[in-house]
């Protein structure tokens, strides 16, 4: 089986709908029009920035994948420069045609051009194929990124506080007073 050529180009505003379909699981939860508007903004910012590139891969002339590249630091406290390779994603029916490798290769080439010694990316923890692909390209786990809704984290943090340190709400105080009154009535 011969591989057809894969080419890369900078994304344009006309790619916003394609990117919304490709990256749907990675975008904020809102209606489709807002997602497309968000991506139009990302495309514009990448086009104007010397520290970003939004690339679309084409396979036989049809959009096949995309990646957002960005120069940043390894972390807010580790100022080692890196090229961040965000959501290198390939259209499902065009996987195993060299598209993903071409997207990552673009990140490596840009890092080399800039004299940056590291490339970093992320793959969904639930995506076995993506994680295996990244591992085959020598990208090893550096950290685990965990995300949860703010109210969920607040509830868990509060639940793990010692009882003596927990703030008592008016409702909690009322329930405690009722329990205390019931104990007194049953004892008496």
C-alpha atoms as a PDB file:
ATOM      1  CA  UNK A   1       0.000   0.000   0.000  1.00  0.00           C
ATOM      2  CA  UNK A   2       1.558   3.312  -1.027  1.00  0.00           C
ATOM      3  CA  UNK A   3       0.948   6.415   0.989  1.00  0.00           C
ATOM      4  CA  UNK A   4      -0.426   9.454  -0.736  1.00  0.00           C
ATOM      5  CA  UNK A   5       1.254  12.726  -0.055  1.00  0.00           C
ATOM      6  CA  UNK A   6       0.299  14.758   2.963  1.00  0.00           C
ATOM      7  CA  UNK A   7       0.729  18.504   2.774  1.00  0.00           C
ATOM      8  CA  UNK A   8       0.472  21.213   5.420  1.00  0.00           C
ATOM      9  CA  UNK A   9      -0.850  24.742   5.196  1.00  0.00           C
ATOM     10  CA  UNK A  10      -1.730  27.500   7.618  1.00  0.00           C
ATOM     11  CA  UNK A  11      -5.377  27.477   8.616  1.00  0.00           C
ATOM     12  CA  UNK A  12      -7.673  30.164   7.267  1.00  0.00           C
ATOM     13  CA  UNK A  13     -11.082  31.352   8.424  1.00  0.00           C
ATOM     14  CA  UNK A  14     -12.668  28.954   5.925  1.00  0.00           C
ATOM     15  CA  UNK A  15     -11.285  26.081   8.056  1.00  0.00           C
ATOM     16  CA  UNK A  16     -13.241  27.002  11.202  1.00  0.00           C
ATOM     17  CA  UNK A  17     -16.119  24.612  10.466  1.00  0.00           C
ATOM     18  CA  UNK A  18     -13.727  21.736   9.661  1.00  0.00           C
ATOM     19  CA  UNK A  19     -11.821  22.398  12.897  1.00  0.00           C
ATOM     20  CA  UNK A  20     -15.074  22.537  14.888  1.00  0.00           C
ATOM     21  CA  UNK A  21     -15.929  19.056  13.591  1.00  0.00           C
ATOM     22  CA  UNK A  22     -12.408  17.717  14.087  1.00  0.00           C
ATOM     23  CA  UNK A  23     -11.927  19.106  17.598  1.00  0.00           C
ATOM     24  CA  UNK A  24     -15.539  18.915  18.819  1.00  0.00           C
ATOM     25  CA  UNK A  25     -14.681  16.932  21.959  1.00  0.00           C
ATOM     26  CA  UNK A  26     -11.966  19.433  22.921  1.00  0.00           C
ATOM     27  CA  UNK A  27     -14.000  22.638  22.551  1.00  0.00           C
ATOM     28  CA  UNK A  28     -15.996  24.416  25.212  1.00  0.00           C
ATOM     29  CA  UNK A  29     -19.542  23.234  25.642  1.00  0.00           C
ATOM     30  CA  UNK A  30     -21.729  25.729  23.840  1.00  0.00           C
ATOM     31  CA  UNK A  31     -23.705  25.867  20.624  1.00  0.00           C
ATOM     32  CA  UNK A  32     -22.001  25.154  17.300  1.00  0.00           C
ATOM     33  CA  UNK A  33     -22.030  28.800  16.164  1.00  0.00           C
ATOM     34  CA  UNK A  34     -20.093  29.873  19.270  1.00  0.00           C
ATOM     35  CA  UNK A  35     -17.569  27.066  18.768  1.00  0.00           C
ATOM     36  CA  UNK A  36     -16.996  28.153  15.165  1.00  0.00           C
ATOM     37  CA  UNK A  37     -16.651  31.780  16.318  1.00  0.00           C
ATOM     38  CA  UNK A  38     -14.106  30.672  18.948  1.00  0.00           C
ATOM     39  CA  UNK A  39     -12.097  28.863  16.285  1.00  0.00           C
ATOM     40  CA  UNK A  40     -12.236  31.850  13.938  1.00  0.00           C
ATOM     41  CA  UNK A  41     -10.682  33.880  16.749  1.00  0.00           C
ATOM     42  CA  UNK A  42      -8.000  31.201  17.340  1.00  0.00           C
ATOM     43  CA  UNK A  43      -7.221  31.170  13.594  1.00  0.00           C
ATOM     44  CA  UNK A  44      -6.868  34.973  13.529  1.00  0.00           C
ATOM     45  CA  UNK A  45      -4.642  35.032  16.615  1.00  0.00           C
ATOM     46  CA  UNK A  46      -2.399  32.307  15.200  1.00  0.00           C
ATOM     47  CA  UNK A  47      -2.085  34.176  11.909  1.00  0.00           C
ATOM     48  CA  UNK A  48      -1.027  37.372  13.705  1.00  0.00           C
ATOM     49  CA  UNK A  49       1.362  35.766  16.196  1.00  0.00           C
ATOM     50  CA  UNK A  50       4.997  34.849  15.657  1.00  0.00           C
ATOM     51  CA  UNK A  51       4.654  32.366  18.526  1.00  0.00           C
ATOM     52  CA  UNK A  52       1.716  30.351  17.161  1.00  0.00           C
ATOM     53  CA  UNK A  53       0.926  28.278  14.099  1.00  0.00           C
ATOM     54  CA  UNK A  54      -2.369  26.610  13.304  1.00  0.00           C
ATOM     55  CA  UNK A  55      -1.739  24.020  10.613  1.00  0.00           C
ATOM     56  CA  UNK A  56      -4.174  21.978   8.562  1.00  0.00           C
ATOM     57  CA  UNK A  57      -2.965  18.748   6.986  1.00  0.00           C
ATOM     58  CA  UNK A  58      -4.396  17.737   3.639  1.00  0.00           C
ATOM     59  CA  UNK A  59      -4.374  14.239   2.214  1.00  0.00           C
ATOM     60  CA  UNK A  60      -5.044  14.055  -1.528  1.00  0.00           C
ATOM     61  CA  UNK A  61      -6.362  17.633  -1.416  1.00  0.00           C
ATOM     62  CA  UNK A  62      -8.882  17.085   1.371  1.00  0.00           C
ATOM     63  CA  UNK A  63      -8.545  18.299   4.980  1.00  0.00           C
ATOM     64  CA  UNK A  64      -7.236  15.377   7.014  1.00  0.00           C
ATOM     65  CA  UNK A  65      -6.092  16.791  10.350  1.00  0.00           C
ATOM     66  CA  UNK A  66      -4.858  19.811  12.229  1.00  0.00           C
ATOM     67  CA  UNK A  67      -2.596  20.958  15.026  1.00  0.00           C
ATOM     68  CA  UNK A  68      -2.060  24.188  16.950  1.00  0.00           C
ATOM     69  CA  UNK A  69       1.601  24.878  17.700  1.00  0.00           C
ATOM     70  CA  UNK A  70       2.613  27.418  20.300  1.00  0.00           C
ATOM     71  CA  UNK A  71       5.892  28.563  21.813  1.00  0.00           C
ATOM     72  CA  UNK A  72       5.618  28.654  25.593  1.00  0.00           C
ATOM     73  CA  UNK A  73       7.450  27.511  28.702  1.00  0.00           C
ATOM     74  CA  UNK A  74       7.431  24.000  30.125  1.00  0.00           C
ATOM     75  CA  UNK A  75       5.368  25.291  33.052  1.00  0.00           C
ATOM     76  CA  UNK A  76       4.743  28.614  34.800  1.00  0.00           C
ATOM     77  CA  UNK A  77       7.623  27.839  37.167  1.00  0.00           C
ATOM     78  CA  UNK A  78       9.943  26.028  34.732  1.00  0.00           C
ATOM     79  CA  UNK A  79      10.848  28.611  32.114  1.00  0.00           C
ATOM     80  CA  UNK A  80      12.474  26.135  29.706  1.00  0.00           C
ATOM     81  CA  UNK A  81      11.061  27.013  26.269  1.00  0.00           C
ATOM     82  CA  UNK A  82       8.989  24.359  24.493  1.00  0.00           C
ATOM     83  CA  UNK A  83       6.856  24.043  21.410  1.00  0.00           C
ATOM     84  CA  UNK A  84       3.425  22.976  22.592  1.00  0.00           C
ATOM     85  CA  UNK A  85       1.653  20.735  20.121  1.00  0.00           C
ATOM     86  CA  UNK A  86      -2.071  21.126  20.892  1.00  0.00           C
ATOM     87  CA  UNK A  87      -4.619  18.568  19.786  1.00  0.00           C
ATOM     88  CA  UNK A  88      -2.815  16.950  16.862  1.00  0.00           C
ATOM     89  CA  UNK A  89      -5.909  15.252  15.470  1.00  0.00           C
ATOM     90  CA  UNK A  90      -6.537  13.224  12.325  1.00  0.00           C
ATOM     91  CA  UNK A  91      -9.864  12.576  10.603  1.00  0.00           C
ATOM     92  CA  UNK A  92     -10.767   8.997  11.643  1.00  0.00           C
ATOM     93  CA  UNK A  93     -10.964   7.505   8.140  1.00  0.00           C
ATOM     94  CA  UNK A  94      -7.533   8.956   7.245  1.00  0.00           C
ATOM     95  CA  UNK A  95      -5.595   7.537  10.178  1.00  0.00           C
ATOM     96  CA  UNK A  96      -2.570   5.390   9.340  1.00  0.00           C
ATOM     97  CA  UNK A  97      -1.787   7.478   6.267  1.00  0.00           C
ATOM     98  CA  UNK A  98       1.052   9.519   7.789  1.00  0.00           C
ATOM     99  CA  UNK A  99      -1.087  12.535   8.708  1.00  0.00           C
ATOM    100  CA  UNK A 100      -0.418  12.398  12.472  1.00  0.00           C
ATOM    101  CA  UNK A 101       3.303  11.871  11.930  1.00  0.00           C
ATOM    102  CA  UNK A 102       3.355  14.871   9.584  1.00  0.00           C
ATOM    103  CA  UNK A 103       1.620  17.062  12.188  1.00  0.00           C
ATOM    104  CA  UNK A 104       4.113  16.112  14.913  1.00  0.00           C
ATOM    105  CA  UNK A 105       6.990  16.453  12.467  1.00  0.00           C
ATOM    106  CA  UNK A 106       5.906  20.058  11.837  1.00  0.00           C
ATOM    107  CA  UNK A 107       6.180  20.745  15.578  1.00  0.00           C
ATOM    108  CA  UNK A 108       9.656  19.206  15.695  1.00  0.00           C
ATOM    109  CA  UNK A 109      10.839  21.151  12.636  1.00  0.00           C
ATOM    110  CA  UNK A 110       9.557  24.436  14.077  1.00  0.00           C
ATOM    111  CA  UNK A 111      11.239  23.713  17.434  1.00  0.00           C
ATOM    112  CA  UNK A 112      14.514  23.007  15.608  1.00  0.00           C
ATOM    113  CA  UNK A 113      14.204  26.222  13.582  1.00  0.00           C
ATOM    114  CA  UNK A 114      13.699  28.187  16.801  1.00  0.00           C
ATOM    115  CA  UNK A 115      16.476  26.386  18.689  1.00  0.00           C
ATOM    116  CA  UNK A 116      13.991  24.992  21.207  1.00  0.00           C
ATOM    117  CA  UNK A 117      15.051  21.668  22.672  1.00  0.00           C
ATOM    118  CA  UNK A 118      11.651  20.260  23.730  1.00  0.00           C
ATOM    119  CA  UNK A 119       8.274  19.523  22.168  1.00  0.00           C
ATOM    120  CA  UNK A 120       5.290  18.724  24.353  1.00  0.00           C
ATOM    121  CA  UNK A 121       1.794  17.512  23.639  1.00  0.00           C
ATOM    122  CA  UNK A 122      -1.165  16.003  25.421  1.00  0.00           C
ATOM    123  CA  UNK A 123      -3.476  13.150  24.580  1.00  0.00           C
ATOM    124  CA  UNK A 124      -6.751  12.293  26.237  1.00  0.00           C
ATOM    125  CA  UNK A 125      -6.198   9.769  29.021  1.00  0.00           C
ATOM    126  CA  UNK A 126      -8.988   7.642  27.556  1.00  0.00           C
ATOM    127  CA  UNK A 127      -7.484   7.549  24.058  1.00  0.00           C
ATOM    128  CA  UNK A 128      -5.312   4.460  23.994  1.00  0.00           C
ATOM    129  CA  UNK A 129      -4.438   4.888  20.303  1.00  0.00           C
ATOM    130  CA  UNK A 130      -3.354   8.511  20.728  1.00  0.00           C
ATOM    131  CA  UNK A 131      -1.228   7.684  23.768  1.00  0.00           C
ATOM    132  CA  UNK A 132       0.422   4.752  22.017  1.00  0.00           C
ATOM    133  CA  UNK A 133       1.102   6.930  18.962  1.00  0.00           C
ATOM    134  CA  UNK A 134       2.735   9.617  21.120  1.00  0.00           C
ATOM    135  CA  UNK A 135       4.814   7.005  22.969  1.00  0.00           C
ATOM    136  CA  UNK A 136       6.082   5.597  19.648  1.00  0.00           C
ATOM    137  CA  UNK A 137       7.309   9.111  18.828  1.00  0.00           C
ATOM    138  CA  UNK A 138       9.344   9.277  22.086  1.00  0.00           C
ATOM    139  CA  UNK A 139       6.875  11.590  23.831  1.00  0.00           C
ATOM    140  CA  UNK A 140       6.757  10.283  27.387  1.00  0.00           C
ATOM    141  CA  UNK A 141       4.429  11.224  30.235  1.00  0.00           C
ATOM    142  CA  UNK A 142       5.723  14.224  32.169  1.00  0.00           C
ATOM    143  CA  UNK A 143       2.677  15.025  34.292  1.00  0.00           C
ATOM    144  CA  UNK A 144      -0.953  14.090  34.711  1.00  0.00           C
ATOM    145  CA  UNK A 145      -3.386  16.903  33.991  1.00  0.00           C
ATOM    146  CA  UNK A 146      -6.585  16.581  35.992  1.00  0.00           C
ATOM    147  CA  UNK A 147      -9.723  18.639  35.444  1.00  0.00           C
ATOM    148  CA  UNK A 148     -13.049  18.846  37.305  1.00  0.00           C
ATOM    149  CA  UNK A 149     -15.906  21.295  37.652  1.00  0.00           C
ATOM    150  CA  UNK A 150     -15.267  23.942  40.307  1.00  0.00           C
ATOM    151  CA  UNK A 151     -18.362  23.033  42.418  1.00  0.00           C
ATOM    152  CA  UNK A 152     -17.269  19.371  42.469  1.00  0.00           C
ATOM    153  CA  UNK A 153     -13.810  20.257  43.716  1.00  0.00           C
ATOM    154  CA  UNK A 154     -15.285  22.674  46.304  1.00  0.00           C
ATOM    155  CA  UNK A 155     -17.569  19.907  47.649  1.00  0.00           C
ATOM    156  CA  UNK A 156     -14.678  17.423  47.928  1.00  0.00           C
ATOM    157  CA  UNK A 157     -12.365  19.961  49.571  1.00  0.00           C
ATOM    158  CA  UNK A 158     -15.033  20.868  52.121  1.00  0.00           C
ATOM    159  CA  UNK A 159     -15.823  17.200  52.808  1.00  0.00           C
ATOM    160  CA  UNK A 160     -12.173  16.489  53.605  1.00  0.00           C
ATOM    161  CA  UNK A 161     -11.827  19.294  56.146  1.00  0.00           C
ATOM    162  CA  UNK A 162     -11.839  18.217  59.790  1.00  0.00           C
ATOM    163  CA  UNK A 163     -15.323  18.694  61.249  1.00  0.00           C
ATOM    164  CA  UNK A 164     -14.020  21.290  63.686  1.00  0.00           C
ATOM    165  CA  UNK A 165     -12.759  23.479  60.797  1.00  0.00           C
ATOM    166  CA  UNK A 166     -15.876  23.295  58.651  1.00  0.00           C
ATOM    167  CA  UNK A 167     -17.910  26.475  58.509  1.00  0.00           C
ATOM    168  CA  UNK A 168     -21.410  25.973  59.800  1.00  0.00           C
ATOM    169  CA  UNK A 169     -24.147  27.177  57.567  1.00  0.00           C
ATOM    170  CA  UNK A 170     -27.404  28.470  58.990  1.00  0.00           C
ATOM    171  CA  UNK A 171     -29.079  25.288  57.780  1.00  0.00           C
ATOM    172  CA  UNK A 172     -26.375  23.139  59.374  1.00  0.00           C
ATOM    173  CA  UNK A 173     -26.786  24.957  62.670  1.00  0.00           C
ATOM    174  CA  UNK A 174     -30.561  24.493  62.542  1.00  0.00           C
ATOM    175  CA  UNK A 175     -30.203  20.742  61.862  1.00  0.00           C
ATOM    176  CA  UNK A 176     -27.661  20.384  64.668  1.00  0.00           C
ATOM    177  CA  UNK A 177     -30.024  22.177  67.067  1.00  0.00           C
ATOM    178  CA  UNK A 178     -32.896  19.835  66.055  1.00  0.00           C
ATOM    179  CA  UNK A 179     -30.726  16.747  66.585  1.00  0.00           C
ATOM    180  CA  UNK A 180     -29.654  18.064  69.960  1.00  0.00           C
ATOM    181  CA  UNK A 181     -33.297  18.748  70.926  1.00  0.00           C
ATOM    182  CA  UNK A 182     -34.320  15.213  69.828  1.00  0.00           C
ATOM    183  CA  UNK A 183     -31.519  13.684  71.909  1.00  0.00           C
ATOM    184  CA  UNK A 184     -32.658  15.670  74.943  1.00  0.00           C
ATOM    185  CA  UNK A 185     -36.313  14.647  74.418  1.00  0.00           C
ATOM    186  CA  UNK A 186     -35.492  10.959  74.007  1.00  0.00           C
ATOM    187  CA  UNK A 187     -33.218  10.996  77.061  1.00  0.00           C
ATOM    188  CA  UNK A 188     -35.851  12.741  79.176  1.00  0.00           C
END
